[in-house]
Protein backbone atom coordinates (compact mmCIF):
# COMPACT_ATOMS: atom_id res chain seq x y z
CA MET A 1 -80.54 -139.20 -170.20
CA LEU A 2 -77.90 -141.46 -168.81
CA SER A 3 -78.44 -145.18 -169.33
CA SER A 4 -76.66 -148.43 -168.63
CA GLU A 5 -78.45 -149.90 -171.73
CA ARG A 6 -79.27 -152.91 -169.63
CA PRO A 7 -82.73 -153.81 -168.25
CA VAL A 8 -83.05 -153.39 -164.54
CA GLU A 9 -85.75 -155.07 -162.50
CA ARG A 10 -87.95 -152.81 -160.41
CA LEU A 11 -89.19 -153.36 -156.88
CA THR A 12 -92.77 -152.15 -156.48
CA ASN A 13 -94.08 -154.13 -153.51
CA PRO A 14 -93.40 -152.42 -150.16
CA ARG A 15 -94.40 -155.60 -148.37
CA ALA A 16 -91.79 -157.81 -150.10
CA ASP A 17 -89.41 -159.80 -147.95
CA ARG A 18 -86.36 -157.99 -149.28
CA VAL A 19 -87.90 -154.59 -148.51
CA ARG A 20 -88.72 -155.69 -144.96
CA LYS A 21 -85.17 -156.93 -144.41
CA VAL A 22 -83.64 -153.64 -145.64
CA ALA A 23 -86.03 -151.63 -143.48
CA SER A 24 -85.02 -153.70 -140.41
CA LEU A 25 -81.48 -152.27 -140.70
CA ALA A 26 -82.73 -149.22 -138.93
CA GLY A 27 -82.52 -151.30 -135.77
CA ARG A 28 -79.21 -152.11 -134.08
CA SER A 29 -79.98 -155.85 -133.63
CA ALA A 30 -80.45 -156.30 -137.37
CA ARG A 31 -77.22 -154.41 -138.13
CA GLN A 32 -75.33 -156.62 -135.61
CA ARG A 33 -76.90 -159.81 -137.02
CA THR A 34 -76.34 -159.05 -140.68
CA GLY A 35 -73.24 -156.82 -140.61
CA LEU A 36 -75.09 -154.38 -142.84
CA PHE A 37 -76.30 -150.77 -142.49
CA LEU A 38 -78.28 -148.16 -144.40
CA ALA A 39 -76.83 -145.20 -146.24
CA GLU A 40 -79.60 -142.81 -147.39
CA GLY A 41 -79.59 -139.76 -149.57
CA PRO A 42 -77.55 -138.53 -152.55
CA GLN A 43 -74.36 -137.55 -150.71
CA SER A 44 -73.93 -140.74 -148.69
CA VAL A 45 -74.83 -143.01 -151.65
CA ALA A 46 -72.51 -141.09 -153.99
CA GLU A 47 -69.60 -141.56 -151.62
CA ALA A 48 -70.47 -145.29 -151.27
CA LEU A 49 -70.45 -145.64 -155.02
CA ARG A 50 -67.15 -143.77 -155.44
CA LEU A 51 -65.41 -146.06 -152.95
CA TRP A 52 -66.90 -149.20 -154.53
CA LEU A 53 -65.94 -148.06 -158.06
CA SER A 54 -62.46 -147.10 -156.97
CA PRO A 55 -59.57 -149.38 -158.00
CA ASP A 56 -58.51 -149.37 -154.34
CA GLY A 57 -61.96 -150.02 -152.99
CA ALA A 58 -61.49 -153.77 -152.34
CA ALA A 59 -58.26 -153.08 -150.42
CA ALA A 60 -60.10 -150.67 -148.12
CA ALA A 61 -62.82 -153.19 -147.19
CA ALA A 62 -61.34 -154.03 -143.79
CA ALA A 63 -61.44 -150.39 -142.65
CA LEU A 64 -64.15 -148.77 -144.75
CA PRO A 65 -67.75 -149.81 -145.56
CA MET A 66 -68.33 -151.39 -148.93
CA LEU A 67 -71.49 -151.25 -151.02
CA ASP A 68 -73.72 -154.32 -150.97
CA ALA A 69 -76.97 -153.20 -152.63
CA LEU A 70 -78.32 -150.08 -154.34
CA TYR A 71 -81.96 -148.98 -154.73
CA TYR A 72 -82.91 -145.86 -156.64
CA ALA A 73 -85.81 -144.04 -158.23
CA PRO A 74 -85.47 -144.35 -162.06
CA GLU A 75 -86.00 -140.64 -162.58
CA LEU A 76 -82.65 -139.99 -160.96
CA LEU A 77 -80.94 -141.23 -164.12
CA GLU A 78 -82.65 -138.41 -166.06
CA GLU A 79 -81.17 -135.60 -163.95
CA GLY A 80 -77.66 -135.62 -165.52
CA SER A 81 -76.17 -135.29 -162.06
CA GLU A 82 -72.90 -136.74 -160.79
CA LEU A 83 -75.00 -139.21 -158.76
CA ALA A 84 -76.80 -140.30 -162.00
CA GLU A 85 -73.47 -140.87 -163.62
CA LEU A 86 -72.26 -142.99 -160.69
CA ILE A 87 -75.43 -145.06 -160.71
CA SER A 88 -75.03 -145.61 -164.46
CA LEU A 89 -71.43 -146.75 -163.94
CA ALA A 90 -72.65 -149.22 -161.24
CA LEU A 91 -75.28 -150.57 -163.65
CA ALA A 92 -72.78 -150.94 -166.45
CA ALA A 93 -70.44 -152.83 -164.08
CA GLN A 94 -73.04 -155.49 -163.31
CA PRO A 95 -72.38 -158.69 -165.30
CA GLN A 96 -75.09 -160.18 -167.50
CA ALA A 97 -75.76 -163.92 -167.48
CA GLY A 98 -72.64 -165.80 -168.49
CA GLU A 99 -70.32 -162.78 -168.11
CA ALA A 100 -67.40 -162.64 -165.75
CA ASN A 101 -67.81 -160.00 -163.00
CA GLN A 102 -65.22 -157.21 -163.62
CA ALA A 103 -66.60 -155.00 -160.85
CA PRO A 104 -64.74 -154.67 -157.48
CA SER A 105 -67.45 -156.97 -156.01
CA ARG A 106 -70.91 -157.79 -157.16
CA ILE A 107 -73.74 -155.72 -155.78
CA PHE A 108 -77.58 -156.02 -155.97
CA VAL A 109 -79.05 -153.13 -157.97
CA ARG A 110 -82.76 -152.40 -158.37
CA GLU A 111 -84.99 -149.52 -159.38
CA ALA A 112 -87.55 -148.94 -156.67
CA SER A 113 -90.94 -147.28 -156.42
CA PRO A 114 -91.43 -144.34 -154.09
CA GLU A 115 -93.44 -146.58 -151.73
CA VAL A 116 -90.63 -149.10 -151.58
CA LEU A 117 -87.95 -146.45 -150.98
CA GLY A 118 -90.08 -144.86 -148.31
CA THR A 119 -90.57 -148.21 -146.53
CA MET A 120 -86.93 -149.13 -146.69
CA GLY A 121 -85.49 -145.88 -145.47
CA ASP A 122 -85.41 -144.39 -142.00
CA SER A 123 -85.68 -140.73 -143.14
CA VAL A 124 -89.04 -138.97 -142.76
CA THR A 125 -88.98 -138.14 -146.49
CA SER A 126 -87.29 -140.41 -149.01
CA GLN A 127 -84.60 -138.78 -151.15
CA GLY A 128 -84.95 -141.30 -153.96
CA VAL A 129 -81.83 -143.32 -153.39
CA LEU A 130 -80.64 -145.75 -150.71
CA ALA A 131 -77.72 -148.09 -150.31
CA VAL A 132 -77.05 -151.09 -148.10
CA CYS A 133 -73.43 -151.28 -147.11
CA ARG A 134 -71.25 -153.74 -145.20
CA ILE A 135 -69.98 -152.68 -141.85
CA PRO A 136 -66.16 -152.80 -141.95
CA ALA A 137 -64.51 -156.10 -141.00
CA GLN A 138 -62.79 -154.50 -138.02
CA PHE A 139 -66.13 -154.16 -136.22
CA SER A 140 -66.35 -158.00 -136.25
CA ALA A 141 -65.51 -159.76 -132.94
CA GLU A 142 -63.08 -161.92 -134.87
CA SER A 143 -61.13 -158.93 -136.30
CA SER A 144 -58.45 -156.81 -134.66
CA PRO A 145 -59.11 -153.05 -135.01
CA ASP A 146 -56.75 -151.17 -137.34
CA VAL A 147 -55.72 -148.01 -135.42
CA ARG A 148 -54.02 -145.81 -137.97
CA GLY A 149 -51.38 -143.37 -136.99
CA GLY A 150 -51.27 -139.97 -138.51
CA ALA A 151 -51.16 -136.32 -137.72
CA LEU A 152 -54.59 -136.29 -136.11
CA SER A 153 -57.21 -138.66 -134.64
CA LEU A 154 -60.33 -138.42 -132.48
CA ALA A 155 -61.65 -140.70 -129.76
CA LEU A 156 -65.33 -140.52 -128.71
CA CYS A 157 -65.73 -141.68 -125.17
CA ARG A 158 -69.34 -142.65 -124.30
CA VAL A 159 -70.83 -140.05 -126.69
CA GLN A 160 -74.45 -141.13 -126.73
CA ASP A 161 -76.22 -139.01 -129.37
CA PRO A 162 -75.81 -140.64 -132.80
CA GLY A 163 -76.18 -137.24 -134.45
CA ASN A 164 -73.16 -135.99 -132.50
CA VAL A 165 -71.23 -139.14 -133.40
CA GLY A 166 -71.98 -138.72 -137.13
CA THR A 167 -71.19 -134.99 -137.04
CA MET A 168 -67.80 -135.67 -135.44
CA VAL A 169 -66.99 -138.36 -138.03
CA ARG A 170 -67.73 -135.71 -140.69
CA THR A 171 -65.64 -133.07 -138.90
CA ALA A 172 -62.72 -135.37 -138.39
CA ASP A 173 -62.81 -136.25 -142.08
CA ALA A 174 -62.86 -132.54 -143.04
CA ALA A 175 -59.96 -131.79 -140.67
CA GLY A 176 -57.84 -134.46 -142.30
CA ALA A 177 -57.90 -136.95 -139.39
CA ALA A 178 -56.72 -140.49 -139.91
CA SER A 179 -59.34 -142.27 -137.88
CA VAL A 180 -62.17 -141.85 -135.35
CA VAL A 181 -62.14 -144.18 -132.39
CA VAL A 182 -65.48 -145.09 -130.66
CA THR A 183 -65.26 -146.54 -127.20
CA THR A 184 -67.70 -148.86 -125.38
CA GLY A 185 -70.81 -146.90 -124.50
CA THR A 186 -70.71 -144.65 -127.60
CA ALA A 187 -73.75 -144.61 -129.86
CA ASP A 188 -73.56 -146.94 -132.88
CA PRO A 189 -71.73 -145.02 -135.64
CA PHE A 190 -73.61 -147.02 -138.27
CA SER A 191 -77.09 -146.09 -137.10
CA PRO A 192 -79.17 -144.21 -139.71
CA LYS A 193 -79.03 -140.94 -137.75
CA ALA A 194 -75.18 -141.10 -137.40
CA VAL A 195 -74.73 -142.03 -141.11
CA ARG A 196 -76.96 -139.12 -142.22
CA ALA A 197 -75.07 -136.69 -139.98
CA ALA A 198 -71.73 -137.87 -141.37
CA ALA A 199 -72.92 -137.09 -144.91
CA GLY A 200 -70.69 -139.68 -146.63
CA SER A 201 -67.61 -139.40 -144.43
CA HIS A 202 -67.98 -143.00 -143.27
CA PHE A 203 -66.61 -143.92 -146.73
CA HIS A 204 -63.47 -141.75 -146.32
CA ILE A 205 -62.22 -142.23 -142.72
CA PRO A 206 -62.01 -145.44 -140.66
CA VAL A 207 -64.16 -145.67 -137.53
CA VAL A 208 -62.36 -147.91 -135.05
CA PRO A 209 -63.94 -149.69 -132.03
CA LEU A 210 -61.96 -149.81 -128.84
CA ARG A 211 -62.86 -150.60 -125.23
CA GLY A 212 -61.95 -147.25 -123.66
CA ALA A 213 -59.77 -144.18 -123.48
CA ALA A 214 -56.76 -146.04 -122.06
CA GLU A 215 -56.66 -148.47 -124.97
CA ALA A 216 -57.10 -145.63 -127.47
CA ALA A 217 -54.31 -143.64 -125.79
CA ALA A 218 -51.94 -146.59 -125.75
CA ALA A 219 -52.59 -147.17 -129.44
CA ALA A 220 -51.98 -143.52 -130.23
CA ARG A 221 -48.75 -143.36 -128.28
CA ALA A 222 -47.52 -146.49 -130.11
CA GLU A 223 -47.85 -144.40 -133.25
CA GLY A 224 -45.92 -141.48 -131.80
CA MET A 225 -48.94 -139.35 -131.00
CA GLN A 226 -49.65 -137.14 -127.99
CA VAL A 227 -53.01 -137.47 -126.19
CA LEU A 228 -55.06 -134.42 -125.36
CA ALA A 229 -58.40 -134.47 -123.51
CA ALA A 230 -61.05 -131.73 -123.96
CA ASP A 231 -62.68 -130.80 -120.67
CA GLY A 232 -64.54 -127.58 -119.88
CA HIS A 233 -63.19 -127.48 -116.38
CA ALA A 234 -59.50 -127.91 -117.12
CA ASP A 235 -57.00 -125.32 -115.92
CA MET A 236 -55.08 -125.23 -119.22
CA LEU A 237 -56.75 -123.35 -122.08
CA LEU A 238 -56.56 -124.52 -125.66
CA SER A 239 -54.80 -121.29 -126.56
CA GLN A 240 -52.01 -122.18 -124.13
CA VAL A 241 -51.11 -125.54 -125.65
CA GLN A 242 -47.73 -125.23 -127.26
CA THR A 243 -47.72 -128.62 -129.02
CA LEU A 244 -50.88 -128.42 -131.18
CA GLN A 245 -48.82 -128.97 -134.28
CA GLU A 246 -47.68 -132.43 -133.04
CA PRO A 247 -49.49 -135.59 -134.06
CA THR A 248 -52.46 -135.70 -131.66
CA LEU A 249 -55.28 -137.91 -130.51
CA TRP A 250 -58.12 -135.85 -128.98
CA LEU A 251 -60.42 -137.45 -126.36
CA LEU A 252 -64.02 -136.13 -126.27
CA GLY A 253 -66.50 -137.25 -123.59
CA ASN A 254 -70.11 -137.88 -122.81
CA GLU A 255 -72.59 -135.03 -123.53
CA ALA A 256 -73.83 -134.71 -119.97
CA GLN A 257 -70.92 -135.96 -117.90
CA GLY A 258 -67.88 -135.18 -119.98
CA LEU A 259 -64.80 -137.31 -119.48
CA ASP A 260 -64.57 -139.38 -116.29
CA ASP A 261 -61.45 -139.55 -114.10
CA ALA A 262 -60.03 -142.58 -115.84
CA GLU A 263 -60.50 -141.00 -119.27
CA ARG A 264 -58.84 -137.77 -118.20
CA ALA A 265 -56.00 -139.80 -116.61
CA ALA A 266 -55.37 -141.44 -119.97
CA ALA A 267 -54.37 -138.07 -121.53
CA ASP A 268 -51.03 -136.30 -121.49
CA ALA A 269 -52.88 -132.99 -120.84
CA VAL A 270 -56.41 -131.91 -120.20
CA VAL A 271 -57.51 -128.78 -122.06
CA ALA A 272 -60.38 -126.36 -121.87
CA ILE A 273 -61.86 -124.37 -124.74
CA PRO A 274 -62.22 -120.77 -123.50
CA ARG A 275 -65.81 -119.45 -123.15
CA TYR A 276 -66.16 -115.66 -123.50
CA GLY A 277 -69.92 -115.54 -123.08
CA ALA A 278 -72.42 -116.82 -120.56
CA ALA A 279 -73.06 -120.29 -122.00
CA GLU A 280 -72.32 -123.06 -119.44
CA SER A 281 -70.75 -125.36 -122.05
CA LEU A 282 -70.34 -126.22 -125.64
CA ASN A 283 -72.05 -129.04 -127.52
CA VAL A 284 -69.61 -131.95 -127.72
CA ALA A 285 -69.63 -131.90 -131.52
CA VAL A 286 -68.78 -128.20 -131.59
CA ALA A 287 -66.02 -128.74 -128.98
CA GLY A 288 -64.61 -131.55 -131.10
CA ALA A 289 -64.62 -129.29 -134.18
CA VAL A 290 -62.75 -126.54 -132.32
CA CYS A 291 -60.10 -128.97 -131.01
CA LEU A 292 -59.61 -130.83 -134.28
CA TYR A 293 -59.29 -127.63 -136.27
CA ALA A 294 -56.91 -126.06 -133.73
CA SER A 295 -54.62 -129.03 -134.29
CA ALA A 296 -55.15 -129.21 -138.02
CA MET A 297 -54.42 -125.50 -138.60
CA ALA A 298 -51.38 -125.59 -136.35
CA ALA A 299 -50.04 -128.62 -138.26
CA HIS A 300 -50.61 -126.96 -141.60
CA SER A 301 -49.33 -123.53 -140.69
CA PRO A 302 -46.16 -122.31 -142.56
CA ARG A 303 -44.28 -122.18 -139.24
CA SER A 304 -44.93 -125.89 -138.55
CA ARG A 305 -43.63 -126.88 -141.99
CA SER A 306 -40.44 -124.77 -141.79
């Protein structure tokens, strides 16, 4: 059994004020008011802990979410899992009375009963661990977004399903993208559904708010990137693009409407993914995965590095 060897208070009252406030973060108004969001489940919480425990964690706070509070079922510490080890490290990092805080930043840590965890969380079934995290500073109205250049980035233009938003954050992370831009009208990337779908990738890759495709394209070009738009009705096919190995920002549009005229006009080229069967279209998250990986594989091919 892993242990911090320090006593930890336990939350057992599902009607407590703190429990109510954490549960309210499932709603967008509470997230906007507090600047906090929920990260549920072992994978998301483990990634939040890794970032918080990292020596570079504090420096990443403007662009990446930072841990604020941790609630867990005590039996998790008996599993001997990597998550149990991370929780024990977080417990050990908490200062006792009179001690200086040596952790990256102080967090609130409590054991919690199943009833409390179930009340706090948004999932149908609690997974025994939940974190409250701070929305990155660049989502504040007083902060200027940090649009990072790199070999690859993704802009979501009015994508309205939070599950699609979270899936594309996860895919962009896996493809090695430098950032994900969300434009006005896109679902909240810090909603519980989006965070669950991203499976911890919010703690790896910056999610950047911008007004629209034109602003995203201008920021990308300032970093030396080309801008490609994915549209099922374009004349150019993805297989015909000769510059996939170049640094690229991909624009992806609304699930039902795709990209509008202004969003397509912001791109250097509009590209269609070929369909060889009878399906009318691809899900936007699937289309995003195809485009991101086409660019990532082209950029990492031996020919592109020679």
